[in-house]
Amino acid sequence: MQKSAALIEHEKINEKRDGSMLRQVILGGQDGLVNTLGVILGVAAGTGDARIVIIAGLAAAFAESISMAAVAYTSSRASEDFYKSELLREKREIEEMPEMEREEIQHIYYKKGFRGKQLSSIVKKITSDKKMWLEVMMTEELGLGSGDAINPKREAFIVGGSAFAGSFLPLVPFIFIPAVALASGTAAVLAIVTLFAAGAVKAKMTTGHWVKAGCEMALIGGMAAFVGYAIGALAGAML
């Protein structure tokens, strides 16, 4: 059976709707921006030298982006290894305990509302193809999607790159504005606006009201950055 042009176009659109990539970009970008902003505001509160603030910010940016990339890679590898282990276990169970696995398929579709001949036909169709049988067990029984979607290198690149981009953003005012106090205020405003925009875009691409989502992300990020500023100001007053 040939696919219609409309169906092919619809599948292409769905391929572009990558929720995991959106999650990775927001995770890396928000983490990098908030952490670096907290560091540079804290340092700026304790010193009047813009060079020191920039050096501290750059160190934080590189450390944060490398750390986030490493975490993304190792966590993705763990997910990949878990998927592979479960896949091998299901393969073995289908080979060694086919009746029990067939009963599990029957139970899965029984809970979906299928009965009688219709249920028997579905079970027979699925269990007649071991590849299909295995895919159904992985998705329906274990709730695991395709292992092809897990790409540790891609996740590390996206999260690390997003973290670096987010980390560099609050540094920009200190490069162009010599007055540390003014640069600090500008960096804070720029970060809050960026966080609001990121939350709004996320809501537009997923669900929820864009204003509420934007305010939520800006508030969370702003509070985290304020902690860094408060610690820096307190340390500067004490030392």
Foldseek 3Di string as FASTA:
>chain_A
DDDDPVVVVVVVVVVVLDPVLLVLLCLQQLVLQLVLLLQLLLQLLQDFFLVVSLVRLVVSLLVSLQVQLVVLLVVLVVVLVVLVVVLVVLLVCCVVPVVVLLVVQLVLVVVVPDDDPRSVVVSVVQNVDVVSSSQCCCCRVVVDHDSVVRDSNVSSVSSSVSSSVNSCQLSVLSVVPSGSVVSSVVSLVRNLVVQLVSQLVVCVSPNDHSNVRSNVRSVVSSVSSVVSNVNSNVVSVVD
